[in-house]
Each structure stands twice: as C-alpha cells, then as structure tokens.
C-alpha cells in the first residue's frame, strides 16, 4: 500500500515531520517512517507523540497500534 502523507502532521511521508522541521533537522535520514500492524504508516515522531499523548491506537482505523517496521521507506 502506497502512503503519500502522514495522517497526523499532513506532511509528505517522504519529507521531514513537523517536529524535525521545528528543530531545523533537514536530514530525511533521521526522520523515519513507522508501519503498524494495520498497514498504516506515519512519521515515527508523529505516531510516538500520538500514542503517548492521545491513545495507543492507529489514528485512521482505531485498531491497537503495534509498530511492525521502522525504516526510511
């Protein structure tokens, strides 16, 4: 499944997330993508903040969030 945007910050999944932009980190290699068991993907910083501050579910499908892969792509 192709993912174009992070549903949390709305930025392109291939660009840095808002947290990295705010910290002036332009290195795309440090802004990783986390894939969940539900096959949805988010910037790792975004989903980490979501599960810590909101709840431990996928923002799109509301299934329990379980990271199965973290990588650049």
N, C-alpha and C. Protein backbone atom coordinates (compact mmCIF):
# COMPACT_ATOMS: atom_id res chain seq x y z
N UNK A 1 0.84 -1.17 0.00
CA UNK A 1 0.00 0.00 0.00
C UNK A 1 0.89 1.24 0.00
N UNK A 2 0.67 2.15 -0.92
CA UNK A 2 1.45 3.38 -1.00
C UNK A 2 0.85 4.44 -0.08
N UNK A 3 1.71 5.05 0.72
CA UNK A 3 1.29 6.11 1.63
C UNK A 3 1.96 7.39 1.16
N UNK A 4 1.18 8.44 0.96
CA UNK A 4 1.74 9.70 0.48
C UNK A 4 1.98 10.70 1.61
N UNK A 5 1.03 10.77 2.55
CA UNK A 5 1.12 11.75 3.63
C UNK A 5 0.97 11.10 4.99
N UNK A 6 1.61 11.69 5.96
CA UNK A 6 1.41 11.29 7.36
C UNK A 6 0.07 11.87 7.78
N UNK A 7 -0.84 11.04 8.20
CA UNK A 7 -2.19 11.50 8.56
C UNK A 7 -2.21 12.33 9.84
N UNK A 8 -1.10 12.35 10.57
CA UNK A 8 -1.05 13.13 11.80
C UNK A 8 -0.59 14.56 11.53
N UNK A 9 0.57 14.71 10.86
CA UNK A 9 1.09 16.07 10.61
C UNK A 9 0.73 16.59 9.22
N UNK A 10 0.23 15.70 8.36
CA UNK A 10 -0.21 16.03 7.00
C UNK A 10 0.94 16.31 6.02
N UNK A 11 2.19 16.21 6.47
CA UNK A 11 3.33 16.37 5.57
C UNK A 11 3.53 15.11 4.75
N UNK A 12 4.22 15.26 3.64
CA UNK A 12 4.57 14.10 2.83
C UNK A 12 5.35 13.12 3.69
N UNK A 13 5.07 11.86 3.54
CA UNK A 13 5.74 10.83 4.33
C UNK A 13 7.22 10.76 3.98
N UNK A 14 7.60 11.24 2.80
CA UNK A 14 8.99 11.22 2.36
C UNK A 14 9.76 12.48 2.74
N UNK A 15 9.11 13.42 3.39
CA UNK A 15 9.77 14.63 3.87
C UNK A 15 9.82 14.57 5.39
N UNK A 16 10.54 15.50 5.98
CA UNK A 16 10.64 15.51 7.44
C UNK A 16 9.31 15.91 8.07
N UNK A 17 9.08 15.40 9.28
CA UNK A 17 7.85 15.71 10.02
C UNK A 17 7.94 17.12 10.62
N UNK A 18 6.84 17.58 11.19
CA UNK A 18 6.81 18.91 11.78
C UNK A 18 7.81 19.07 12.92
N UNK A 19 8.00 18.01 13.71
CA UNK A 19 8.95 18.07 14.82
C UNK A 19 10.37 18.29 14.30
N UNK A 20 10.75 17.56 13.27
CA UNK A 20 12.08 17.74 12.69
C UNK A 20 12.22 19.12 12.05
N UNK A 21 11.17 19.59 11.40
CA UNK A 21 11.21 20.92 10.80
C UNK A 21 11.35 21.99 11.88
N UNK A 22 10.64 21.85 13.00
CA UNK A 22 10.72 22.82 14.09
C UNK A 22 12.12 22.85 14.71
N UNK A 23 12.77 21.69 14.73
CA UNK A 23 14.12 21.60 15.27
C UNK A 23 15.18 21.82 14.19
N UNK A 24 14.72 22.25 13.01
CA UNK A 24 15.57 22.55 11.87
C UNK A 24 16.45 21.38 11.47
N UNK A 25 15.86 20.19 11.53
CA UNK A 25 16.54 18.99 11.06
C UNK A 25 16.05 18.72 9.65
N UNK A 26 16.91 18.92 8.70
CA UNK A 26 16.50 18.72 7.31
C UNK A 26 16.99 17.39 6.75
N UNK A 27 17.66 16.63 7.59
CA UNK A 27 18.17 15.33 7.18
C UNK A 27 17.04 14.30 7.17
N UNK A 28 16.58 13.95 5.99
CA UNK A 28 15.47 12.99 5.88
C UNK A 28 15.81 11.63 6.46
N UNK A 29 17.10 11.30 6.58
CA UNK A 29 17.51 10.00 7.10
C UNK A 29 17.17 9.85 8.58
N UNK A 30 17.08 10.96 9.32
CA UNK A 30 16.79 10.86 10.75
C UNK A 30 15.29 10.89 11.04
N UNK A 31 14.48 11.19 10.04
CA UNK A 31 13.03 11.23 10.20
C UNK A 31 12.47 9.94 9.59
N UNK A 32 12.29 8.94 10.44
CA UNK A 32 11.91 7.60 9.98
C UNK A 32 10.40 7.44 9.86
N UNK A 33 10.00 6.37 9.19
CA UNK A 33 8.59 6.03 9.00
C UNK A 33 8.30 4.77 9.80
N UNK A 34 7.21 4.79 10.55
CA UNK A 34 6.78 3.61 11.31
C UNK A 34 5.52 3.03 10.67
N UNK A 35 5.58 1.73 10.40
CA UNK A 35 4.45 0.99 9.85
C UNK A 35 3.79 0.19 10.95
N UNK A 36 2.48 0.24 11.02
CA UNK A 36 1.75 -0.50 12.03
C UNK A 36 1.26 -1.84 11.49
N UNK A 37 0.82 -2.69 12.39
CA UNK A 37 0.26 -3.99 12.01
C UNK A 37 -0.96 -3.80 11.11
N UNK A 38 -1.62 -2.66 11.22
CA UNK A 38 -2.81 -2.35 10.41
C UNK A 38 -2.44 -1.87 9.01
N UNK A 39 -1.14 -1.76 8.72
CA UNK A 39 -0.59 -1.34 7.43
C UNK A 39 -0.70 0.16 7.18
N UNK A 40 -0.96 0.95 8.21
CA UNK A 40 -0.90 2.40 8.08
C UNK A 40 0.50 2.86 8.49
N UNK A 41 0.95 3.97 7.91
CA UNK A 41 2.30 4.46 8.19
C UNK A 41 2.26 5.93 8.57
N UNK A 42 3.17 6.29 9.46
CA UNK A 42 3.29 7.66 9.97
C UNK A 42 4.76 7.96 10.20
N UNK A 43 5.10 9.25 10.28
CA UNK A 43 6.44 9.59 10.74
C UNK A 43 6.58 9.02 12.15
N UNK A 44 7.73 8.47 12.46
CA UNK A 44 7.94 7.86 13.78
C UNK A 44 7.72 8.86 14.91
N UNK A 45 8.17 10.09 14.73
CA UNK A 45 7.95 11.12 15.77
C UNK A 45 6.46 11.39 15.98
N UNK A 46 5.71 11.43 14.88
CA UNK A 46 4.28 11.74 14.96
C UNK A 46 3.51 10.64 15.68
N UNK A 47 3.73 9.38 15.30
CA UNK A 47 2.97 8.29 15.93
C UNK A 47 3.41 8.09 17.37
N UNK A 48 4.67 8.35 17.66
CA UNK A 48 5.16 8.25 19.04
C UNK A 48 4.46 9.28 19.92
N UNK A 49 4.38 10.50 19.43
CA UNK A 49 3.70 11.57 20.19
C UNK A 49 2.21 11.24 20.33
N UNK A 50 1.59 10.73 19.27
CA UNK A 50 0.17 10.37 19.29
C UNK A 50 -0.12 9.31 20.35
N UNK A 51 0.67 8.24 20.34
CA UNK A 51 0.40 7.14 21.28
C UNK A 51 0.74 7.51 22.71
N UNK A 52 1.63 8.48 22.89
CA UNK A 52 1.98 8.93 24.24
C UNK A 52 0.95 9.92 24.78
N UNK A 53 0.53 10.87 23.95
CA UNK A 53 -0.35 11.95 24.42
C UNK A 53 -1.83 11.66 24.23
N UNK A 54 -2.19 10.86 23.26
CA UNK A 54 -3.61 10.60 22.99
C UNK A 54 -3.99 9.20 23.49
N UNK A 55 -3.86 8.22 22.60
CA UNK A 55 -4.12 6.83 22.99
C UNK A 55 -3.33 5.90 22.09
N UNK A 56 -3.19 4.67 22.50
CA UNK A 56 -2.36 3.71 21.78
C UNK A 56 -3.14 3.01 20.67
N UNK A 57 -3.72 3.82 19.78
CA UNK A 57 -4.46 3.28 18.64
C UNK A 57 -4.02 4.00 17.37
N UNK A 58 -4.25 3.37 16.25
CA UNK A 58 -3.99 3.99 14.96
C UNK A 58 -4.98 5.14 14.77
N UNK A 59 -4.49 6.32 14.39
CA UNK A 59 -5.41 7.46 14.19
C UNK A 59 -6.42 7.24 13.07
N UNK A 60 -6.11 6.39 12.10
CA UNK A 60 -7.02 6.19 10.98
C UNK A 60 -8.05 5.10 11.20
N UNK A 61 -7.62 3.96 11.73
CA UNK A 61 -8.56 2.83 11.83
C UNK A 61 -8.94 2.49 13.28
N UNK A 62 -8.31 3.12 14.24
CA UNK A 62 -8.59 2.94 15.67
C UNK A 62 -8.23 1.56 16.22
N UNK A 63 -7.51 0.75 15.44
CA UNK A 63 -7.01 -0.53 15.96
C UNK A 63 -5.83 -0.25 16.88
N UNK A 64 -5.56 -1.16 17.80
CA UNK A 64 -4.41 -1.00 18.70
C UNK A 64 -3.15 -0.81 17.87
N UNK A 65 -2.31 0.18 18.25
CA UNK A 65 -1.11 0.45 17.48
C UNK A 65 0.01 -0.48 17.89
N UNK A 66 0.54 -1.19 16.92
CA UNK A 66 1.70 -2.06 17.10
C UNK A 66 2.65 -1.79 15.95
N UNK A 67 3.82 -1.23 16.24
CA UNK A 67 4.81 -0.96 15.19
C UNK A 67 5.41 -2.29 14.75
N UNK A 68 5.35 -2.54 13.44
CA UNK A 68 5.94 -3.76 12.90
C UNK A 68 7.22 -3.48 12.13
N UNK A 69 7.41 -2.23 11.71
CA UNK A 69 8.61 -1.89 10.94
C UNK A 69 8.87 -0.40 11.08
N UNK A 70 10.13 -0.05 11.25
CA UNK A 70 10.54 1.35 11.25
C UNK A 70 11.71 1.46 10.28
N UNK A 71 11.57 2.31 9.28
CA UNK A 71 12.61 2.45 8.26
C UNK A 71 12.44 3.80 7.57
N UNK A 72 13.34 4.10 6.67
CA UNK A 72 13.21 5.33 5.90
C UNK A 72 12.09 5.19 4.88
N UNK A 73 11.95 4.03 4.29
CA UNK A 73 10.87 3.80 3.32
C UNK A 73 10.31 2.42 3.48
